[in-house]
Amino acid sequence: MVLNIGLYMVGAIILFFIGIYCIVAKRNAIKTVIGIEIITTAIHLNFIALGIMVPPYGVVDPLAQGIVIMSMIVGAAIATLALMLIIRIYGHYKTVDLRKVSRLRW
């Protein structure tokens, strides 16, 4: 069984740039949070791909798996908090456009 780790790395780079595009090009707060989550997924894929490179090949390093699992738990909590804040912003300003919200004050 031959694992081509380069494909995983290319996939992680593609996901990373998709996430950067979502953050830079979109002004919707929900799309920005989704872009951040896509970047986090790219980082997780990179950790797992680099964990496969440890001999014996084909076995993922348990340390890499542990780091990814803990990062997923923290990322889910942060995404939940961000979406709760977006709901509060929408309730107050009636918009989720980041340009309009950044000009206004509480």
N, C-alpha and C. Protein backbone atom coordinates (compact mmCIF):
# COMPACT_ATOMS: atom_id res chain seq x y z
N MET A 1 0.85 -1.17 0.00
CA MET A 1 0.00 0.00 0.00
C MET A 1 0.89 1.23 0.00
N VAL A 2 0.80 2.00 -1.05
CA VAL A 2 1.62 3.21 -1.18
C VAL A 2 0.73 4.42 -0.92
N LEU A 3 1.13 5.23 0.04
CA LEU A 3 0.40 6.46 0.34
C LEU A 3 1.11 7.63 -0.30
N ASN A 4 0.39 8.40 -1.07
CA ASN A 4 0.97 9.58 -1.66
C ASN A 4 0.64 10.77 -0.76
N ILE A 5 1.56 11.10 0.11
CA ILE A 5 1.34 12.15 1.10
C ILE A 5 1.27 13.51 0.43
N GLY A 6 1.88 13.64 -0.73
CA GLY A 6 1.83 14.90 -1.45
C GLY A 6 0.40 15.29 -1.83
N LEU A 7 -0.44 14.30 -2.12
CA LEU A 7 -1.83 14.60 -2.44
C LEU A 7 -2.56 15.19 -1.24
N TYR A 8 -2.29 14.65 -0.07
CA TYR A 8 -2.89 15.22 1.14
C TYR A 8 -2.43 16.66 1.37
N MET A 9 -1.16 16.91 1.12
CA MET A 9 -0.62 18.25 1.32
C MET A 9 -1.21 19.23 0.30
N VAL A 10 -1.35 18.80 -0.94
CA VAL A 10 -1.96 19.65 -1.97
C VAL A 10 -3.42 19.93 -1.61
N GLY A 11 -4.12 18.91 -1.13
CA GLY A 11 -5.50 19.11 -0.69
C GLY A 11 -5.60 20.10 0.45
N ALA A 12 -4.66 20.02 1.39
CA ALA A 12 -4.65 20.96 2.51
C ALA A 12 -4.37 22.39 2.03
N ILE A 13 -3.47 22.54 1.07
CA ILE A 13 -3.17 23.88 0.54
C ILE A 13 -4.38 24.45 -0.20
N ILE A 14 -5.06 23.60 -0.97
CA ILE A 14 -6.26 24.07 -1.68
C ILE A 14 -7.33 24.50 -0.70
N LEU A 15 -7.56 23.69 0.34
CA LEU A 15 -8.54 24.07 1.36
C LEU A 15 -8.15 25.37 2.06
N PHE A 16 -6.86 25.53 2.33
CA PHE A 16 -6.40 26.74 2.99
C PHE A 16 -6.71 27.98 2.16
N PHE A 17 -6.44 27.92 0.87
CA PHE A 17 -6.70 29.09 0.03
C PHE A 17 -8.19 29.32 -0.20
N ILE A 18 -8.99 28.27 -0.20
CA ILE A 18 -10.44 28.46 -0.26
C ILE A 18 -10.93 29.19 0.98
N GLY A 19 -10.40 28.81 2.14
CA GLY A 19 -10.77 29.49 3.38
C GLY A 19 -10.33 30.94 3.40
N ILE A 20 -9.12 31.21 2.90
CA ILE A 20 -8.64 32.60 2.82
C ILE A 20 -9.54 33.41 1.89
N TYR A 21 -9.96 32.82 0.78
CA TYR A 21 -10.85 33.51 -0.15
C TYR A 21 -12.19 33.82 0.53
N CYS A 22 -12.71 32.89 1.29
CA CYS A 22 -13.98 33.13 2.00
C CYS A 22 -13.85 34.27 2.99
N ILE A 23 -12.73 34.39 3.65
CA ILE A 23 -12.56 35.46 4.63
C ILE A 23 -12.37 36.80 3.94
N VAL A 24 -11.57 36.85 2.90
CA VAL A 24 -11.22 38.12 2.25
C VAL A 24 -12.34 38.63 1.35
N ALA A 25 -12.94 37.76 0.57
CA ALA A 25 -13.88 38.21 -0.46
C ALA A 25 -15.30 38.41 0.07
N LYS A 26 -15.70 37.68 1.06
CA LYS A 26 -17.07 37.76 1.55
C LYS A 26 -17.15 38.69 2.76
N ARG A 27 -18.20 39.48 2.81
CA ARG A 27 -18.41 40.39 3.94
C ARG A 27 -19.50 39.90 4.88
N ASN A 28 -20.03 38.72 4.61
CA ASN A 28 -21.04 38.14 5.47
C ASN A 28 -20.34 37.48 6.66
N ALA A 29 -20.83 37.74 7.86
CA ALA A 29 -20.16 37.23 9.06
C ALA A 29 -20.23 35.71 9.13
N ILE A 30 -21.33 35.12 8.70
CA ILE A 30 -21.45 33.67 8.74
C ILE A 30 -20.47 33.03 7.75
N LYS A 31 -20.32 33.61 6.56
CA LYS A 31 -19.36 33.07 5.59
C LYS A 31 -17.92 33.23 6.08
N THR A 32 -17.67 34.27 6.85
CA THR A 32 -16.33 34.44 7.42
C THR A 32 -16.03 33.34 8.43
N VAL A 33 -17.00 33.01 9.27
CA VAL A 33 -16.81 31.91 10.24
C VAL A 33 -16.62 30.59 9.51
N ILE A 34 -17.36 30.37 8.43
CA ILE A 34 -17.19 29.15 7.65
C ILE A 34 -15.80 29.11 7.02
N GLY A 35 -15.30 30.25 6.54
CA GLY A 35 -13.95 30.31 6.00
C GLY A 35 -12.89 29.96 7.04
N ILE A 36 -13.09 30.44 8.25
CA ILE A 36 -12.15 30.10 9.33
C ILE A 36 -12.19 28.60 9.62
N GLU A 37 -13.37 28.01 9.59
CA GLU A 37 -13.49 26.58 9.82
C GLU A 37 -12.85 25.77 8.68
N ILE A 38 -12.93 26.27 7.46
CA ILE A 38 -12.27 25.59 6.33
C ILE A 38 -10.75 25.63 6.52
N ILE A 39 -10.23 26.76 6.97
CA ILE A 39 -8.79 26.86 7.23
C ILE A 39 -8.39 25.88 8.34
N THR A 40 -9.22 25.77 9.38
CA THR A 40 -8.93 24.84 10.46
C THR A 40 -8.93 23.39 9.94
N THR A 41 -9.83 23.08 9.04
CA THR A 41 -9.87 21.74 8.45
C THR A 41 -8.60 21.48 7.63
N ALA A 42 -8.12 22.49 6.92
CA ALA A 42 -6.87 22.33 6.16
C ALA A 42 -5.70 22.05 7.10
N ILE A 43 -5.67 22.73 8.22
CA ILE A 43 -4.59 22.50 9.19
C ILE A 43 -4.70 21.09 9.77
N HIS A 44 -5.91 20.62 10.04
CA HIS A 44 -6.08 19.26 10.55
C HIS A 44 -5.59 18.23 9.53
N LEU A 45 -5.95 18.43 8.27
CA LEU A 45 -5.49 17.52 7.22
C LEU A 45 -3.97 17.51 7.12
N ASN A 46 -3.37 18.67 7.29
CA ASN A 46 -1.91 18.77 7.24
C ASN A 46 -1.27 18.02 8.41
N PHE A 47 -1.83 18.16 9.61
CA PHE A 47 -1.30 17.43 10.77
C PHE A 47 -1.39 15.92 10.55
N ILE A 48 -2.52 15.45 10.06
CA ILE A 48 -2.68 14.01 9.83
C ILE A 48 -1.72 13.54 8.74
N ALA A 49 -1.56 14.32 7.67
CA ALA A 49 -0.64 13.92 6.60
C ALA A 49 0.79 13.85 7.10
N LEU A 50 1.18 14.83 7.92
CA LEU A 50 2.54 14.78 8.46
C LEU A 50 2.70 13.67 9.49
N GLY A 51 1.61 13.29 10.15
CA GLY A 51 1.66 12.17 11.10
C GLY A 51 1.81 10.84 10.41
N ILE A 52 1.38 10.74 9.15
CA ILE A 52 1.53 9.49 8.39
C ILE A 52 3.00 9.29 8.00
N MET A 53 3.76 10.37 7.87
CA MET A 53 5.15 10.26 7.40
C MET A 53 6.07 9.60 8.41
N VAL A 54 5.62 9.44 9.65
CA VAL A 54 6.45 8.80 10.66
C VAL A 54 6.46 7.29 10.39
N PRO A 55 7.64 6.65 10.33
CA PRO A 55 7.68 5.21 10.09
C PRO A 55 7.01 4.46 11.23
N PRO A 56 6.32 3.37 11.05
CA PRO A 56 6.03 2.71 9.78
C PRO A 56 4.97 3.46 8.99
N TYR A 57 5.21 3.62 7.70
CA TYR A 57 4.31 4.39 6.85
C TYR A 57 2.96 3.71 6.76
N GLY A 58 1.92 4.49 6.71
CA GLY A 58 0.57 3.97 6.66
C GLY A 58 -0.11 3.98 8.01
N VAL A 59 0.65 4.23 9.07
CA VAL A 59 0.09 4.31 10.42
C VAL A 59 0.18 5.76 10.86
N VAL A 60 -0.94 6.30 11.31
CA VAL A 60 -0.96 7.70 11.75
C VAL A 60 -0.42 7.78 13.17
N ASP A 61 0.43 8.76 13.39
CA ASP A 61 1.01 8.99 14.70
C ASP A 61 -0.09 9.35 15.70
N PRO A 62 -0.14 8.68 16.86
CA PRO A 62 -1.19 8.99 17.83
C PRO A 62 -1.12 10.43 18.36
N LEU A 63 0.07 11.01 18.41
CA LEU A 63 0.19 12.39 18.86
C LEU A 63 -0.51 13.33 17.88
N ALA A 64 -0.35 13.09 16.58
CA ALA A 64 -1.03 13.91 15.58
C ALA A 64 -2.54 13.76 15.70
N GLN A 65 -3.01 12.54 15.92
CA GLN A 65 -4.44 12.32 16.09
C GLN A 65 -4.96 13.05 17.32
N GLY A 66 -4.21 13.00 18.40
CA GLY A 66 -4.63 13.67 19.63
C GLY A 66 -4.70 15.18 19.47
N ILE A 67 -3.71 15.74 18.79
CA ILE A 67 -3.70 17.19 18.56
C ILE A 67 -4.90 17.59 17.70
N VAL A 68 -5.19 16.82 16.67
CA VAL A 68 -6.31 17.13 15.78
C VAL A 68 -7.65 17.00 16.53
N ILE A 69 -7.80 15.98 17.35
CA ILE A 69 -9.06 15.81 18.09
C ILE A 69 -9.26 16.96 19.07
N MET A 70 -8.21 17.34 19.79
CA MET A 70 -8.35 18.47 20.73
C MET A 70 -8.63 19.76 19.99
N SER A 71 -7.99 19.95 18.85
CA SER A 71 -8.23 21.16 18.05
C SER A 71 -9.65 21.19 17.51
N MET A 72 -10.19 20.04 17.15
CA MET A 72 -11.57 19.98 16.67
C MET A 72 -12.54 20.34 17.78
N ILE A 73 -12.28 19.90 18.99
CA ILE A 73 -13.16 20.21 20.12
C ILE A 73 -13.13 21.70 20.41
N VAL A 74 -11.94 22.29 20.47
CA VAL A 74 -11.82 23.72 20.72
C VAL A 74 -12.42 24.52 19.57
N GLY A 75 -12.20 24.09 18.34
CA GLY A 75 -12.75 24.77 17.17
C GLY A 75 -14.26 24.75 17.15
N ALA A 76 -14.86 23.64 17.58
CA ALA A 76 -16.33 23.58 17.63
C ALA A 76 -16.87 24.55 18.67
N ALA A 77 -16.19 24.65 19.80
CA ALA A 77 -16.63 25.60 20.83
C ALA A 77 -16.49 27.04 20.34
N ILE A 78 -15.41 27.35 19.66
CA ILE A 78 -15.20 28.72 19.16
C ILE A 78 -16.21 29.04 18.06
N ALA A 79 -16.49 28.10 17.18
CA ALA A 79 -17.48 28.34 16.13
C ALA A 79 -18.86 28.55 16.73
N THR A 80 -19.20 27.80 17.76
CA THR A 80 -20.48 27.99 18.44
C THR A 80 -20.57 29.38 19.05
N LEU A 81 -19.51 29.80 19.71
CA LEU A 81 -19.49 31.14 20.31
C LEU A 81 -19.60 32.22 19.24
N ALA A 82 -18.89 32.06 18.12
CA ALA A 82 -18.94 33.05 17.04
C ALA A 82 -20.34 33.13 16.45
N LEU A 83 -20.99 31.99 16.24
CA LEU A 83 -22.34 32.01 15.68
C LEU A 83 -23.34 32.60 16.67
N MET A 84 -23.14 32.39 17.96
CA MET A 84 -24.00 33.04 18.95
C MET A 84 -23.84 34.55 18.91
N LEU A 85 -22.61 35.02 18.77
CA LEU A 85 -22.38 36.45 18.65
C LEU A 85 -23.01 37.02 17.37
N ILE A 86 -22.95 36.27 16.29
CA ILE A 86 -23.57 36.72 15.03
C ILE A 86 -25.08 36.83 15.19
N ILE A 87 -25.68 35.89 15.91
CA ILE A 87 -27.12 35.98 16.16
C ILE A 87 -27.46 37.22 16.96
N ARG A 88 -26.63 37.54 17.97
CA ARG A 88 -26.86 38.76 18.76
C ARG A 88 -26.67 40.01 17.91
N ILE A 89 -25.67 40.00 17.04
CA ILE A 89 -25.43 41.16 16.16
C ILE A 89 -26.62 41.33 15.21
N TYR A 90 -27.12 40.23 14.67
CA TYR A 90 -28.26 40.32 13.77
C TYR A 90 -29.50 40.84 14.50
N GLY A 91 -29.69 40.40 15.74
CA GLY A 91 -30.83 40.89 16.51
C GLY A 91 -30.74 42.37 16.81
N HIS A 92 -29.54 42.89 16.95
CA HIS A 92 -29.37 44.31 17.28
C HIS A 92 -29.34 45.20 16.04
N TYR A 93 -28.59 44.80 15.01
CA TYR A 93 -28.40 45.63 13.82
C TYR A 93 -29.26 45.23 12.63
N LYS A 94 -29.89 44.04 12.66
CA LYS A 94 -30.68 43.51 11.55
C LYS A 94 -29.87 43.29 10.28
N THR A 95 -28.57 43.02 10.44
CA THR A 95 -27.70 42.69 9.32
C THR A 95 -26.52 41.88 9.84
N VAL A 96 -25.94 41.08 8.94
CA VAL A 96 -24.71 40.36 9.27
C VAL A 96 -23.56 40.80 8.36
N ASP A 97 -23.76 41.93 7.65
CA ASP A 97 -22.71 42.47 6.79
C ASP A 97 -21.64 43.12 7.68
N LEU A 98 -20.41 42.65 7.54
CA LEU A 98 -19.34 43.12 8.42
C LEU A 98 -18.99 44.59 8.18
N ARG A 99 -19.18 45.09 6.96
CA ARG A 99 -18.89 46.50 6.69
C ARG A 99 -19.84 47.41 7.46
N LYS A 100 -21.10 47.06 7.47
CA LYS A 100 -22.09 47.89 8.15
C LYS A 100 -21.96 47.80 9.66
N VAL A 101 -21.65 46.62 10.16
CA VAL A 101 -21.53 46.43 11.60
C VAL A 101 -20.29 47.11 12.14
N SER A 102 -19.21 47.13 11.38
CA SER A 102 -17.96 47.71 11.89
C SER A 102 -18.06 49.23 12.01
N ARG A 103 -18.96 49.88 11.27
CA ARG A 103 -19.13 51.32 11.35
C ARG A 103 -20.02 51.74 12.51
N LEU A 104 -20.84 50.84 12.98
CA LEU A 104 -21.79 51.18 14.03
C LEU A 104 -21.21 50.93 15.41
N ARG A 105 -21.77 51.59 16.38
CA ARG A 105 -21.35 51.40 17.77
C ARG A 105 -22.51 50.84 18.56
N TRP A 106 -22.20 50.19 19.66
CA TRP A 106 -23.26 49.64 20.52
C TRP A 106 -23.94 50.81 21.15
